[in-house]
Structure formats: structure tokens, C-alpha cells
Amino acid sequence: MLEVLISVVILTVAILGMATLQSRGIRGNDLGNRTSQAVALAQEKLEELIDTSRDTTLATGTTNDANNPIDETGVSGGVFTRNWNVQNGPISDAQTVTVAVSWTDIMGQHNVSVDGVITGEGY
């Protein structure tokens, strides 16, 4: 009887350890998925700003996305917040653009950003 009890305790500890690993794996996969979505949102906005800059100089300063918070497609109603900052330089007739996307989940606050320099010749 004692051997059975010891076996049950060992098996219980092993199962609890595997459950913890499974939970961390799920959270890690979710973070990876959201990070990929956030990078895609940032890159999409950077490309849109590059296209816009071909016709006109971008206004300097920080701009928040009008649809914030947005989902992974850029439509209003998601968990992501997107903003971009445009500065003149680093050379004449150039602008530096930084697009940032942030979100909060069970693991805390997360941020990603992409940068680009737009010149008179394009990106």
C-alpha cells in the first residue's frame, strides 16, 4: 500500500510539472503570435507613410492611429495601440519615421517598433 501511495505522489508531481510547462508554452506561443501581428501592423503603417511621402512632406511630430485600439488587421476594436513619430533629418531633405505598436496582455506591457528614413528619392 505504501508503494502505491508513493507512486501516486510521484506521478502527481510529474503531471503538475508538465501542466506548468504546457501553460508556459501556450503563453509563449500567444506572445510570439501577437508580436508578429504587431510587427506587421508597424511595417504596414511605415510603408503607407513612405507612399504618402512621395507626394508630400510628412508632418513632423507624433501621431496616434485614429482607430486605436486596433486589431491585427488595423481595424478599430483590438488590443493594439499604434502611433508614429516623424522627425526631420538626419540629412537635408530626409525624414526619420518610427512606428510603434504596443499592447498589454496577461504577461504585461509589450512594444515593438520599426524605423525608416525617407529621402527625396524614396525609402
PDB file of N, CA and C in Angstrom:
ATOM      1  N   MET A   1       0.814  -1.191   0.000  1.00  0.00           N
ATOM      2  CA  MET A   1       0.000   0.000   0.000  1.00  0.00           C
ATOM      3  C   MET A   1       0.864   1.264   0.000  1.00  0.00           C
ATOM      4  N   LEU A   2       1.945   1.236   0.748  1.00  0.00           N
ATOM      5  CA  LEU A   2       2.843   2.372   0.825  1.00  0.00           C
ATOM      6  C   LEU A   2       3.492   2.642  -0.534  1.00  0.00           C
ATOM      7  N   GLU A   3       3.853   1.562  -1.251  1.00  0.00           N
ATOM      8  CA  GLU A   3       4.453   1.739  -2.574  1.00  0.00           C
ATOM      9  C   GLU A   3       3.476   2.415  -3.538  1.00  0.00           C
ATOM     10  N   VAL A   4       2.215   2.061  -3.481  1.00  0.00           N
ATOM     11  CA  VAL A   4       1.193   2.665  -4.344  1.00  0.00           C
ATOM     12  C   VAL A   4       1.048   4.151  -4.019  1.00  0.00           C
ATOM     13  N   LEU A   5       1.028   4.488  -2.741  1.00  0.00           N
ATOM     14  CA  LEU A   5       0.914   5.883  -2.322  1.00  0.00           C
ATOM     15  C   LEU A   5       2.108   6.710  -2.811  1.00  0.00           C
ATOM     16  N   ILE A   6       3.297   6.172  -2.688  1.00  0.00           N
ATOM     17  CA  ILE A   6       4.499   6.862  -3.165  1.00  0.00           C
ATOM     18  C   ILE A   6       4.443   7.030  -4.681  1.00  0.00           C
ATOM     19  N   SER A   7       3.985   6.017  -5.384  1.00  0.00           N
ATOM     20  CA  SER A   7       3.861   6.086  -6.843  1.00  0.00           C
ATOM     21  C   SER A   7       2.877   7.167  -7.257  1.00  0.00           C
ATOM     22  N   VAL A   8       1.759   7.266  -6.548  1.00  0.00           N
ATOM     23  CA  VAL A   8       0.745   8.281  -6.856  1.00  0.00           C
ATOM     24  C   VAL A   8       1.309   9.681  -6.622  1.00  0.00           C
ATOM     25  N   VAL A   9       2.055   9.878  -5.556  1.00  0.00           N
ATOM     26  CA  VAL A   9       2.655  11.183  -5.262  1.00  0.00           C
ATOM     27  C   VAL A   9       3.657  11.552  -6.353  1.00  0.00           C
ATOM     28  N   ILE A  10       4.512  10.633  -6.747  1.00  0.00           N
ATOM     29  CA  ILE A  10       5.498  10.900  -7.800  1.00  0.00           C
ATOM     30  C   ILE A  10       4.803  11.226  -9.115  1.00  0.00           C
ATOM     31  N   LEU A  11       3.778  10.471  -9.457  1.00  0.00           N
ATOM     32  CA  LEU A  11       3.032  10.705 -10.684  1.00  0.00           C
ATOM     33  C   LEU A  11       2.337  12.064 -10.650  1.00  0.00           C
ATOM     34  N   THR A  12       1.790  12.432  -9.512  1.00  0.00           N
ATOM     35  CA  THR A  12       1.121  13.731  -9.369  1.00  0.00           C
ATOM     36  C   THR A  12       2.105  14.878  -9.566  1.00  0.00           C
ATOM     37  N   VAL A  13       3.278  14.795  -8.979  1.00  0.00           N
ATOM     38  CA  VAL A  13       4.303  15.833  -9.135  1.00  0.00           C
ATOM     39  C   VAL A  13       4.711  15.948 -10.607  1.00  0.00           C
ATOM     40  N   ALA A  14       4.881  14.837 -11.269  1.00  0.00           N
ATOM     41  CA  ALA A  14       5.271  14.849 -12.685  1.00  0.00           C
ATOM     42  C   ALA A  14       4.182  15.483 -13.548  1.00  0.00           C
ATOM     43  N   ILE A  15       2.934  15.148 -13.297  1.00  0.00           N
ATOM     44  CA  ILE A  15       1.827  15.705 -14.079  1.00  0.00           C
ATOM     45  C   ILE A  15       1.700  17.207 -13.845  1.00  0.00           C
ATOM     46  N   LEU A  16       1.855  17.659 -12.601  1.00  0.00           N
ATOM     47  CA  LEU A  16       1.792  19.088 -12.316  1.00  0.00           C
ATOM     48  C   LEU A  16       2.925  19.844 -13.008  1.00  0.00           C
ATOM     49  N   GLY A  17       4.107  19.255 -13.042  1.00  0.00           N
ATOM     50  CA  GLY A  17       5.228  19.874 -13.750  1.00  0.00           C
ATOM     51  C   GLY A  17       4.961  20.001 -15.236  1.00  0.00           C
ATOM     52  N   MET A  18       4.388  18.979 -15.832  1.00  0.00           N
ATOM     53  CA  MET A  18       4.064  19.021 -17.261  1.00  0.00           C
ATOM     54  C   MET A  18       2.955  20.026 -17.539  1.00  0.00           C
ATOM     55  N   ALA A  19       1.999  20.158 -16.640  1.00  0.00           N
ATOM     56  CA  ALA A  19       0.925  21.134 -16.823  1.00  0.00           C
ATOM     57  C   ALA A  19       1.480  22.557 -16.809  1.00  0.00           C
ATOM     58  N   THR A  20       2.447  22.803 -15.935  1.00  0.00           N
ATOM     59  CA  THR A  20       3.085  24.121 -15.876  1.00  0.00           C
ATOM     60  C   THR A  20       3.820  24.415 -17.181  1.00  0.00           C
ATOM     61  N   LEU A  21       4.544  23.437 -17.691  1.00  0.00           N
ATOM     62  CA  LEU A  21       5.251  23.613 -18.958  1.00  0.00           C
ATOM     63  C   LEU A  21       4.276  23.864 -20.099  1.00  0.00           C
ATOM     64  N   GLN A  22       3.174  23.171 -20.106  1.00  0.00           N
ATOM     65  CA  GLN A  22       2.163  23.352 -21.147  1.00  0.00           C
ATOM     66  C   GLN A  22       1.601  24.768 -21.098  1.00  0.00           C
ATOM     67  N   SER A  23       1.310  25.257 -19.903  1.00  0.00           N
ATOM     68  CA  SER A  23       0.780  26.603 -19.744  1.00  0.00           C
ATOM     69  C   SER A  23       1.781  27.646 -20.235  1.00  0.00           C
ATOM     70  N   ARG A  24       3.051  27.491 -19.891  1.00  0.00           N
ATOM     71  CA  ARG A  24       4.075  28.430 -20.354  1.00  0.00           C
ATOM     72  C   ARG A  24       4.250  28.364 -21.863  1.00  0.00           C
ATOM     73  N   GLY A  25       4.145  27.202 -22.426  1.00  0.00           N
ATOM     74  CA  GLY A  25       4.237  27.049 -23.875  1.00  0.00           C
ATOM     75  C   GLY A  25       3.115  27.771 -24.598  1.00  0.00           C
ATOM     76  N   ILE A  26       1.911  27.662 -24.074  1.00  0.00           N
ATOM     77  CA  ILE A  26       0.760  28.348 -24.671  1.00  0.00           C
ATOM     78  C   ILE A  26       0.953  29.857 -24.597  1.00  0.00           C
ATOM     79  N   ARG A  27       1.403  30.360 -23.440  1.00  0.00           N
ATOM     80  CA  ARG A  27       1.639  31.794 -23.293  1.00  0.00           C
ATOM     81  C   ARG A  27       2.745  32.273 -24.237  1.00  0.00           C
ATOM     82  N   GLY A  28       3.789  31.481 -24.372  1.00  0.00           N
ATOM     83  CA  GLY A  28       4.883  31.841 -25.279  1.00  0.00           C
ATOM     84  C   GLY A  28       4.426  31.886 -26.727  1.00  0.00           C
ATOM     85  N   ASN A  29       3.601  30.938 -27.126  1.00  0.00           N
ATOM     86  CA  ASN A  29       3.056  30.941 -28.483  1.00  0.00           C
ATOM     87  C   ASN A  29       2.171  32.154 -28.722  1.00  0.00           C
ATOM     88  N   ASP A  30       1.363  32.515 -27.732  1.00  0.00           N
ATOM     89  CA  ASP A  30       0.497  33.682 -27.855  1.00  0.00           C
ATOM     90  C   ASP A  30       1.329  34.958 -27.988  1.00  0.00           C
ATOM     91  N   LEU A  31       2.390  35.075 -27.187  1.00  0.00           N
ATOM     92  CA  LEU A  31       3.259  36.247 -27.273  1.00  0.00           C
ATOM     93  C   LEU A  31       3.929  36.325 -28.643  1.00  0.00           C
ATOM     94  N   GLY A  32       4.406  35.207 -29.145  1.00  0.00           N
ATOM     95  CA  GLY A  32       5.014  35.187 -30.473  1.00  0.00           C
ATOM     96  C   GLY A  32       4.034  35.587 -31.562  1.00  0.00           C
ATOM     97  N   ASN A  33       2.808  35.106 -31.467  1.00  0.00           N
ATOM     98  CA  ASN A  33       1.781  35.447 -32.443  1.00  0.00           C
ATOM     99  C   ASN A  33       1.465  36.941 -32.405  1.00  0.00           C
ATOM    100  N   ARG A  34       1.266  37.475 -31.217  1.00  0.00           N
ATOM    101  CA  ARG A  34       0.942  38.907 -31.083  1.00  0.00           C
ATOM    102  C   ARG A  34       2.120  39.780 -31.514  1.00  0.00           C
ATOM    103  N   THR A  35       3.332  39.348 -31.222  1.00  0.00           N
ATOM    104  CA  THR A  35       4.498  40.113 -31.648  1.00  0.00           C
ATOM    105  C   THR A  35       4.578  40.161 -33.173  1.00  0.00           C
ATOM    106  N   SER A  36       4.322  39.042 -33.827  1.00  0.00           N
ATOM    107  CA  SER A  36       4.313  39.002 -35.291  1.00  0.00           C
ATOM    108  C   SER A  36       3.236  39.924 -35.855  1.00  0.00           C
ATOM    109  N   GLN A  37       2.056  39.909 -35.245  1.00  0.00           N
ATOM    110  CA  GLN A  37       0.978  40.782 -35.694  1.00  0.00           C
ATOM    111  C   GLN A  37       1.349  42.257 -35.509  1.00  0.00           C
ATOM    112  N   ALA A  38       1.976  42.575 -34.376  1.00  0.00           N
ATOM    113  CA  ALA A  38       2.360  43.960 -34.098  1.00  0.00           C
ATOM    114  C   ALA A  38       3.424  44.449 -35.083  1.00  0.00           C
ATOM    115  N   VAL A  39       4.400  43.605 -35.394  1.00  0.00           N
ATOM    116  CA  VAL A  39       5.435  43.983 -36.360  1.00  0.00           C
ATOM    117  C   VAL A  39       4.802  44.214 -37.730  1.00  0.00           C
ATOM    118  N   ALA A  40       3.858  43.367 -38.119  1.00  0.00           N
ATOM    119  CA  ALA A  40       3.174  43.537 -39.407  1.00  0.00           C
ATOM    120  C   ALA A  40       2.393  44.848 -39.444  1.00  0.00           C
ATOM    121  N   LEU A  41       1.718  45.193 -38.339  1.00  0.00           N
ATOM    122  CA  LEU A  41       0.990  46.461 -38.271  1.00  0.00           C
ATOM    123  C   LEU A  41       1.941  47.653 -38.393  1.00  0.00           C
ATOM    124  N   ALA A  42       3.070  47.585 -37.720  1.00  0.00           N
ATOM    125  CA  ALA A  42       4.046  48.671 -37.776  1.00  0.00           C
ATOM    126  C   ALA A  42       4.632  48.802 -39.184  1.00  0.00           C
ATOM    127  N   GLN A  43       4.999  47.690 -39.776  1.00  0.00           N
ATOM    128  CA  GLN A  43       5.576  47.716 -41.119  1.00  0.00           C
ATOM    129  C   GLN A  43       4.564  48.230 -42.139  1.00  0.00           C
ATOM    130  N   GLU A  44       3.315  47.819 -41.993  1.00  0.00           N
ATOM    131  CA  GLU A  44       2.257  48.280 -42.895  1.00  0.00           C
ATOM    132  C   GLU A  44       2.122  49.804 -42.849  1.00  0.00           C
ATOM    133  N   LYS A  45       2.118  50.378 -41.642  1.00  0.00           N
ATOM    134  CA  LYS A  45       1.992  51.829 -41.494  1.00  0.00           C
ATOM    135  C   LYS A  45       3.231  52.531 -42.043  1.00  0.00           C
ATOM    136  N   LEU A  46       4.422  51.987 -41.803  1.00  0.00           N
ATOM    137  CA  LEU A  46       5.640  52.587 -42.337  1.00  0.00           C
ATOM    138  C   LEU A  46       5.580  52.634 -43.865  1.00  0.00           C
ATOM    139  N   GLU A  47       5.166  51.555 -44.485  1.00  0.00           N
ATOM    140  CA  GLU A  47       5.056  51.526 -45.946  1.00  0.00           C
ATOM    141  C   GLU A  47       4.018  52.523 -46.443  1.00  0.00           C
ATOM    142  N   GLU A  48       2.910  52.662 -45.712  1.00  0.00           N
ATOM    143  CA  GLU A  48       1.885  53.643 -46.074  1.00  0.00           C
ATOM    144  C   GLU A  48       2.450  55.066 -45.995  1.00  0.00           C
ATOM    145  N   LEU A  49       3.224  55.357 -44.949  1.00  0.00           N
ATOM    146  CA  LEU A  49       3.829  56.681 -44.804  1.00  0.00           C
ATOM    147  C   LEU A  49       4.864  56.937 -45.894  1.00  0.00           C
ATOM    148  N   ILE A  50       5.599  55.915 -46.279  1.00  0.00           N
ATOM    149  CA  ILE A  50       6.574  56.060 -47.367  1.00  0.00           C
ATOM    150  C   ILE A  50       5.849  56.405 -48.659  1.00  0.00           C
ATOM    151  N   ASP A  51       4.742  55.709 -48.943  1.00  0.00           N
ATOM    152  CA  ASP A  51       3.964  56.006 -50.146  1.00  0.00           C
ATOM    153  C   ASP A  51       3.424  57.431 -50.107  1.00  0.00           C
ATOM    154  N   THR A  52       2.938  57.867 -48.948  1.00  0.00           N
ATOM    155  CA  THR A  52       2.400  59.221 -48.797  1.00  0.00           C
ATOM    156  C   THR A  52       3.491  60.258 -49.022  1.00  0.00           C
ATOM    157  N   SER A  53       4.701  59.969 -48.565  1.00  0.00           N
ATOM    158  CA  SER A  53       5.799  60.938 -48.659  1.00  0.00           C
ATOM    159  C   SER A  53       6.242  61.180 -50.092  1.00  0.00           C
ATOM    160  N   ARG A  54       5.848  60.342 -51.010  1.00  0.00           N
ATOM    161  CA  ARG A  54       6.230  60.554 -52.410  1.00  0.00           C
ATOM    162  C   ARG A  54       5.517  61.768 -52.990  1.00  0.00           C
ATOM    163  N   ASP A  55       4.332  62.077 -52.442  1.00  0.00           N
ATOM    164  CA  ASP A  55       3.541  63.196 -52.937  1.00  0.00           C
ATOM    165  C   ASP A  55       3.693  64.457 -52.094  1.00  0.00           C
ATOM    166  N   THR A  56       3.999  64.294 -50.816  1.00  0.00           N
ATOM    167  CA  THR A  56       4.062  65.436 -49.911  1.00  0.00           C
ATOM    168  C   THR A  56       5.019  65.139 -48.763  1.00  0.00           C
ATOM    169  N   THR A  57       5.542  66.186 -48.148  1.00  0.00           N
ATOM    170  CA  THR A  57       6.382  66.017 -46.968  1.00  0.00           C
ATOM    171  C   THR A  57       5.489  65.682 -45.780  1.00  0.00           C
ATOM    172  N   LEU A  58       5.879  64.713 -44.986  1.00  0.00           N
ATOM    173  CA  LEU A  58       5.091  64.314 -43.827  1.00  0.00           C
ATOM    174  C   LEU A  58       5.184  65.359 -42.733  1.00  0.00           C
ATOM    175  N   ALA A  59       4.096  65.550 -42.007  1.00  0.00           N
ATOM    176  CA  ALA A  59       4.094  66.467 -40.862  1.00  0.00           C
ATOM    177  C   ALA A  59       4.932  65.870 -39.746  1.00  0.00           C
ATOM    178  N   THR A  60       5.774  66.688 -39.128  1.00  0.00           N
ATOM    179  CA  THR A  60       6.611  66.188 -38.051  1.00  0.00           C
ATOM    180  C   THR A  60       5.805  66.088 -36.760  1.00  0.00           C
ATOM    181  N   GLY A  61       6.290  65.248 -35.842  1.00  0.00           N
ATOM    182  CA  GLY A  61       5.636  65.048 -34.557  1.00  0.00           C
ATOM    183  C   GLY A  61       5.084  63.645 -34.434  1.00  0.00           C
ATOM    184  N   THR A  62       4.432  63.388 -33.306  1.00  0.00           N
ATOM    185  CA  THR A  62       3.856  62.071 -33.020  1.00  0.00           C
ATOM    186  C   THR A  62       2.370  62.086 -33.344  1.00  0.00           C
ATOM    187  N   THR A  63       1.916  61.021 -34.014  1.00  0.00           N
ATOM    188  CA  THR A  63       0.512  60.878 -34.393  1.00  0.00           C
ATOM    189  C   THR A  63       0.009  59.533 -33.896  1.00  0.00           C
ATOM    190  N   ASN A  64      -1.154  59.534 -33.259  1.00  0.00           N
ATOM    191  CA  ASN A  64      -1.798  58.290 -32.842  1.00  0.00           C
ATOM    192  C   ASN A  64      -2.746  57.833 -33.930  1.00  0.00           C
ATOM    193  N   ASP A  65      -2.827  56.525 -34.128  1.00  0.00           N
ATOM    194  CA  ASP A  65      -3.761  55.974 -35.107  1.00  0.00           C
ATOM    195  C   ASP A  65      -5.183  56.344 -34.703  1.00  0.00           C
ATOM    196  N   ALA A  66      -5.952  56.843 -35.640  1.00  0.00           N
ATOM    197  CA  ALA A  66      -7.325  57.273 -35.357  1.00  0.00           C
ATOM    198  C   ALA A  66      -8.215  56.118 -34.936  1.00  0.00           C
ATOM    199  N   ASN A  67      -7.845  54.886 -35.288  1.00  0.00           N
ATOM    200  CA  ASN A  67      -8.673  53.712 -34.968  1.00  0.00           C
ATOM    201  C   ASN A  67      -8.279  53.024 -33.666  1.00  0.00           C
ATOM    202  N   ASN A  68      -7.300  53.572 -32.923  1.00  0.00           N
ATOM    203  CA  ASN A  68      -6.835  52.928 -31.681  1.00  0.00           C
ATOM    204  C   ASN A  68      -7.986  52.693 -30.718  1.00  0.00           C
ATOM    205  N   PRO A  69      -7.991  51.548 -30.015  1.00  0.00           N
ATOM    206  CA  PRO A  69      -7.122  50.391 -30.225  1.00  0.00           C
ATOM    207  C   PRO A  69      -7.546  49.620 -31.474  1.00  0.00           C
ATOM    208  N   ILE A  70      -6.573  48.983 -32.111  1.00  0.00           N
ATOM    209  CA  ILE A  70      -6.827  48.286 -33.370  1.00  0.00           C
ATOM    210  C   ILE A  70      -6.584  46.790 -33.222  1.00  0.00           C
ATOM    211  N   ASP A  71      -7.155  46.030 -34.159  1.00  0.00           N
ATOM    212  CA  ASP A  71      -6.899  44.591 -34.175  1.00  0.00           C
ATOM    213  C   ASP A  71      -5.750  44.308 -35.138  1.00  0.00           C
ATOM    214  N   GLU A  72      -5.484  43.049 -35.408  1.00  0.00           N
ATOM    215  CA  GLU A  72      -4.333  42.665 -36.235  1.00  0.00           C
ATOM    216  C   GLU A  72      -4.463  43.087 -37.691  1.00  0.00           C
ATOM    217  N   THR A  73      -5.654  43.519 -38.119  1.00  0.00           N
ATOM    218  CA  THR A  73      -5.841  43.996 -39.489  1.00  0.00           C
ATOM    219  C   THR A  73      -5.827  45.516 -39.573  1.00  0.00           C
ATOM    220  N   GLY A  74      -5.709  46.193 -38.428  1.00  0.00           N
ATOM    221  CA  GLY A  74      -5.698  47.648 -38.409  1.00  0.00           C
ATOM    222  C   GLY A  74      -7.067  48.269 -38.226  1.00  0.00           C
ATOM    223  N   VAL A  75      -8.076  47.424 -38.001  1.00  0.00           N
ATOM    224  CA  VAL A  75      -9.449  47.902 -37.809  1.00  0.00           C
ATOM    225  C   VAL A  75      -9.680  48.166 -36.323  1.00  0.00           C
ATOM    226  N   SER A  76     -10.478  49.140 -36.029  1.00  0.00           N
ATOM    227  CA  SER A  76     -10.780  49.505 -34.649  1.00  0.00           C
ATOM    228  C   SER A  76     -11.362  48.334 -33.864  1.00  0.00           C
ATOM    229  N   GLY A  77     -10.994  48.251 -32.577  1.00  0.00           N
ATOM    230  CA  GLY A  77     -11.603  47.257 -31.706  1.00  0.00           C
ATOM    231  C   GLY A  77     -10.697  46.144 -31.247  1.00  0.00           C
ATOM    232  N   GLY A  78      -9.401  46.280 -31.362  1.00  0.00           N
ATOM    233  CA  GLY A  78      -8.486  45.218 -30.954  1.00  0.00           C
ATOM    234  C   GLY A  78      -7.729  45.550 -29.684  1.00  0.00           C
ATOM    235  N   VAL A  79      -6.557  44.958 -29.543  1.00  0.00           N
ATOM    236  CA  VAL A  79      -5.741  45.143 -28.343  1.00  0.00           C
ATOM    237  C   VAL A  79      -4.501  46.000 -28.599  1.00  0.00           C
ATOM    238  N   PHE A  80      -4.225  46.318 -29.858  1.00  0.00           N
ATOM    239  CA  PHE A  80      -3.008  47.035 -30.206  1.00  0.00           C
ATOM    240  C   PHE A  80      -3.237  48.542 -30.250  1.00  0.00           C
ATOM    241  N   THR A  81      -2.207  49.293 -29.856  1.00  0.00           N
ATOM    242  CA  THR A  81      -2.204  50.748 -29.985  1.00  0.00           C
ATOM    243  C   THR A  81      -1.023  51.104 -30.879  1.00  0.00           C
ATOM    244  N   ARG A  82      -1.299  51.891 -31.931  1.00  0.00           N
ATOM    245  CA  ARG A  82      -0.253  52.226 -32.902  1.00  0.00           C
ATOM    246  C   ARG A  82      -0.075  53.744 -32.975  1.00  0.00           C
ATOM    247  N   ASN A  83       1.178  54.175 -33.004  1.00  0.00           N
ATOM    248  CA  ASN A  83       1.476  55.590 -33.233  1.00  0.00           C
ATOM    249  C   ASN A  83       2.767  55.690 -34.020  1.00  0.00           C
ATOM    250  N   TRP A  84       3.001  56.862 -34.602  1.00  0.00           N
ATOM    251  CA  TRP A  84       4.214  57.066 -35.371  1.00  0.00           C
ATOM    252  C   TRP A  84       4.761  58.460 -35.117  1.00  0.00           C
ATOM    253  N   ASN A  85       6.078  58.551 -35.224  1.00  0.00           N
ATOM    254  CA  ASN A  85       6.763  59.803 -34.996  1.00  0.00           C
ATOM    255  C   ASN A  85       7.605  60.121 -36.219  1.00  0.00           C
ATOM    256  N   VAL A  86       7.455  61.355 -36.719  1.00  0.00           N
ATOM    257  CA  VAL A  86       8.211  61.806 -37.886  1.00  0.00           C
ATOM    258  C   VAL A  86       9.105  62.961 -37.446  1.00  0.00           C
ATOM    259  N   GLN A  87      10.383  62.874 -37.784  1.00  0.00           N
ATOM    260  CA  GLN A  87      11.346  63.930 -37.470  1.00  0.00           C
ATOM    261  C   GLN A  87      12.142  64.255 -38.724  1.00  0.00           C
ATOM    262  N   ASN A  88      12.543  65.496 -38.846  1.00  0.00           N
ATOM    263  CA  ASN A  88      13.397  65.887 -39.963  1.00  0.00           C
ATOM    264  C   ASN A  88      14.818  65.407 -39.708  1.00  0.00           C
ATOM    265  N   GLY A  89      15.515  65.032 -40.772  1.00  0.00           N
ATOM    266  CA  GLY A  89      16.901  64.592 -40.656  1.00  0.00           C
ATOM    267  C   GLY A  89      17.002  63.106 -40.895  1.00  0.00           C
ATOM    268  N   PRO A  90      18.115  62.534 -40.827  1.00  0.00           N
ATOM    269  CA  PRO A  90      19.406  63.002 -40.343  1.00  0.00           C
ATOM    270  C   PRO A  90      20.190  63.818 -41.371  1.00  0.00           C
ATOM    271  N   ILE A  91      19.735  63.849 -42.628  1.00  0.00           N
ATOM    272  CA  ILE A  91      20.381  64.670 -43.643  1.00  0.00           C
ATOM    273  C   ILE A  91      19.325  65.604 -44.221  1.00  0.00           C
ATOM    274  N   SER A  92      19.748  66.586 -44.988  1.00  0.00           N
ATOM    275  CA  SER A  92      18.763  67.505 -45.566  1.00  0.00           C
ATOM    276  C   SER A  92      17.848  66.749 -46.521  1.00  0.00           C
ATOM    277  N   ASP A  93      16.626  67.207 -46.590  1.00  0.00           N
ATOM    278  CA  ASP A  93      15.589  66.588 -47.435  1.00  0.00           C
ATOM    279  C   ASP A  93      15.299  65.139 -47.067  1.00  0.00           C
ATOM    280  N   ALA A  94      15.452  64.816 -45.779  1.00  0.00           N
ATOM    281  CA  ALA A  94      15.143  63.465 -45.303  1.00  0.00           C
ATOM    282  C   ALA A  94      14.312  63.557 -44.032  1.00  0.00           C
ATOM    283  N   GLN A  95      13.547  62.516 -43.782  1.00  0.00           N
ATOM    284  CA  GLN A  95      12.763  62.421 -42.556  1.00  0.00           C
ATOM    285  C   GLN A  95      12.935  61.032 -41.959  1.00  0.00           C
ATOM    286  N   THR A  96      13.050  60.989 -40.631  1.00  0.00           N
ATOM    287  CA  THR A  96      13.132  59.728 -39.910  1.00  0.00           C
ATOM    288  C   THR A  96      11.749  59.400 -39.375  1.00  0.00           C
ATOM    289  N   VAL A  97      11.284  58.184 -39.636  1.00  0.00           N
ATOM    290  CA  VAL A  97       9.958  57.753 -39.200  1.00  0.00           C
ATOM    291  C   VAL A  97      10.107  56.543 -38.289  1.00  0.00           C
ATOM    292  N   THR A  98       9.446  56.597 -37.130  1.00  0.00           N
ATOM    293  CA  THR A  98       9.399  55.465 -36.208  1.00  0.00           C
ATOM    294  C   THR A  98       7.936  55.136 -35.957  1.00  0.00           C
ATOM    295  N   VAL A  99       7.563  53.898 -36.256  1.00  0.00           N
ATOM    296  CA  VAL A  99       6.199  53.429 -36.000  1.00  0.00           C
ATOM    297  C   VAL A  99       6.263  52.446 -34.830  1.00  0.00           C
ATOM    298  N   ALA A 100       5.464  52.708 -33.798  1.00  0.00           N
ATOM    299  CA  ALA A 100       5.451  51.861 -32.598  1.00  0.00           C
ATOM    300  C   ALA A 100       4.075  51.244 -32.415  1.00  0.00           C
ATOM    301  N   VAL A 101       4.066  49.995 -32.015  1.00  0.00           N
ATOM    302  CA  VAL A 101       2.822  49.281 -31.701  1.00  0.00           C
ATOM    303  C   VAL A 101       2.996  48.678 -30.315  1.00  0.00           C
ATOM    304  N   SER A 102       1.998  48.866 -29.460  1.00  0.00           N
ATOM    305  CA  SER A 102       2.064  48.324 -28.104  1.00  0.00           C
ATOM    306  C   SER A 102       0.759  47.611 -27.771  1.00  0.00           C
ATOM    307  N   TRP A 103       0.840  46.720 -26.792  1.00  0.00           N
ATOM    308  CA  TRP A 103      -0.331  46.010 -26.298  1.00  0.00           C
ATOM    309  C   TRP A 103      -0.041  45.481 -24.907  1.00  0.00           C
ATOM    310  N   THR A 104      -1.099  45.184 -24.185  1.00  0.00           N
ATOM    311  CA  THR A 104      -0.984  44.623 -22.848  1.00  0.00           C
ATOM    312  C   THR A 104      -1.729  43.300 -22.825  1.00  0.00           C
ATOM    313  N   ASP A 105      -1.108  42.296 -22.227  1.00  0.00           N
ATOM    314  CA  ASP A 105      -1.764  41.010 -22.061  1.00  0.00           C
ATOM    315  C   ASP A 105      -1.468  40.480 -20.663  1.00  0.00           C
ATOM    316  N   ILE A 106      -1.736  39.215 -20.438  1.00  0.00           N
ATOM    317  CA  ILE A 106      -1.566  38.616 -19.118  1.00  0.00           C
ATOM    318  C   ILE A 106      -0.108  38.669 -18.634  1.00  0.00           C
ATOM    319  N   MET A 107       0.833  38.754 -19.574  1.00  0.00           N
ATOM    320  CA  MET A 107       2.251  38.789 -19.208  1.00  0.00           C
ATOM    321  C   MET A 107       2.788  40.210 -19.068  1.00  0.00           C
ATOM    322  N   GLY A 108       1.961  41.226 -19.314  1.00  0.00           N
ATOM    323  CA  GLY A 108       2.399  42.604 -19.130  1.00  0.00           C
ATOM    324  C   GLY A 108       2.316  43.444 -20.387  1.00  0.00           C
ATOM    325  N   GLN A 109       3.046  44.552 -20.372  1.00  0.00           N
ATOM    326  CA  GLN A 109       3.080  45.515 -21.474  1.00  0.00           C
ATOM    327  C   GLN A 109       4.160  45.111 -22.474  1.00  0.00           C
ATOM    328  N   HIS A 110       3.834  45.192 -23.768  1.00  0.00           N
ATOM    329  CA  HIS A 110       4.774  44.828 -24.831  1.00  0.00           C
ATOM    330  C   HIS A 110       4.809  45.939 -25.876  1.00  0.00           C
ATOM    331  N   ASN A 111       5.966  46.144 -26.482  1.00  0.00           N
ATOM    332  CA  ASN A 111       6.141  47.169 -27.504  1.00  0.00           C
ATOM    333  C   ASN A 111       7.037  46.650 -28.617  1.00  0.00           C
ATOM    334  N   VAL A 112       6.711  47.017 -29.845  1.00  0.00           N
ATOM    335  CA  VAL A 112       7.598  46.794 -30.979  1.00  0.00           C
ATOM    336  C   VAL A 112       7.629  48.087 -31.786  1.00  0.00           C
ATOM    337  N   SER A 113       8.718  48.306 -32.502  1.00  0.00           N
ATOM    338  CA  SER A 113       8.788  49.482 -33.351  1.00  0.00           C
ATOM    339  C   SER A 113       9.647  49.191 -34.583  1.00  0.00           C
ATOM    340  N   VAL A 114       9.355  49.918 -35.653  1.00  0.00           N
ATOM    341  CA  VAL A 114      10.161  49.849 -36.874  1.00  0.00           C
ATOM    342  C   VAL A 114      10.539  51.278 -37.239  1.00  0.00           C
ATOM    343  N   ASP A 115      11.712  51.431 -37.796  1.00  0.00           N
ATOM    344  CA  ASP A 115      12.231  52.748 -38.170  1.00  0.00           C
ATOM    345  C   ASP A 115      12.561  52.781 -39.663  1.00  0.00           C
ATOM    346  N   GLY A 116      12.484  53.978 -40.205  1.00  0.00           N
ATOM    347  CA  GLY A 116      12.887  54.172 -41.584  1.00  0.00           C
ATOM    348  C   GLY A 116      13.298  55.604 -41.820  1.00  0.00           C
ATOM    349  N   VAL A 117      14.099  55.812 -42.832  1.00  0.00           N
ATOM    350  CA  VAL A 117      14.493  57.157 -43.243  1.00  0.00           C
ATOM    351  C   VAL A 117      13.972  57.352 -44.650  1.00  0.00           C
ATOM    352  N   ILE A 118      13.199  58.419 -44.839  1.00  0.00           N
ATOM    353  CA  ILE A 118      12.625  58.735 -46.139  1.00  0.00           C
ATOM    354  C   ILE A 118      13.388  59.918 -46.705  1.00  0.00           C
ATOM    355  N   THR A 119      13.875  59.770 -47.930  1.00  0.00           N
ATOM    356  CA  THR A 119      14.596  60.862 -48.606  1.00  0.00           C
ATOM    357  C   THR A 119      13.789  61.317 -49.806  1.00  0.00           C
ATOM    358  N   GLY A 120      14.267  62.322 -50.459  1.00  0.00           N
ATOM    359  CA  GLY A 120      13.602  62.801 -51.674  1.00  0.00           C
ATOM    360  C   GLY A 120      13.545  61.725 -52.744  1.00  0.00           C
ATOM    361  N   GLU A 121      14.439  60.771 -52.654  1.00  0.00           N
ATOM    362  CA  GLU A 121      14.486  59.680 -53.624  1.00  0.00           C
ATOM    363  C   GLU A 121      13.609  58.512 -53.222  1.00  0.00           C
ATOM    364  N   GLY A 122      12.964  58.573 -52.055  1.00  0.00           N
ATOM    365  CA  GLY A 122      12.148  57.474 -51.559  1.00  0.00           C
ATOM    366  C   GLY A 122      12.780  56.880 -50.311  1.00  0.00           C
ATOM    367  N   TYR A 123      12.426  55.665 -50.002  1.00  0.00           N
ATOM    368  CA  TYR A 123      12.877  55.000 -48.780  1.00  0.00           C
ATOM    369  C   TYR A 123      14.293  54.555 -48.900  1.00  0.00           C
TER     370      TYR A 123
END
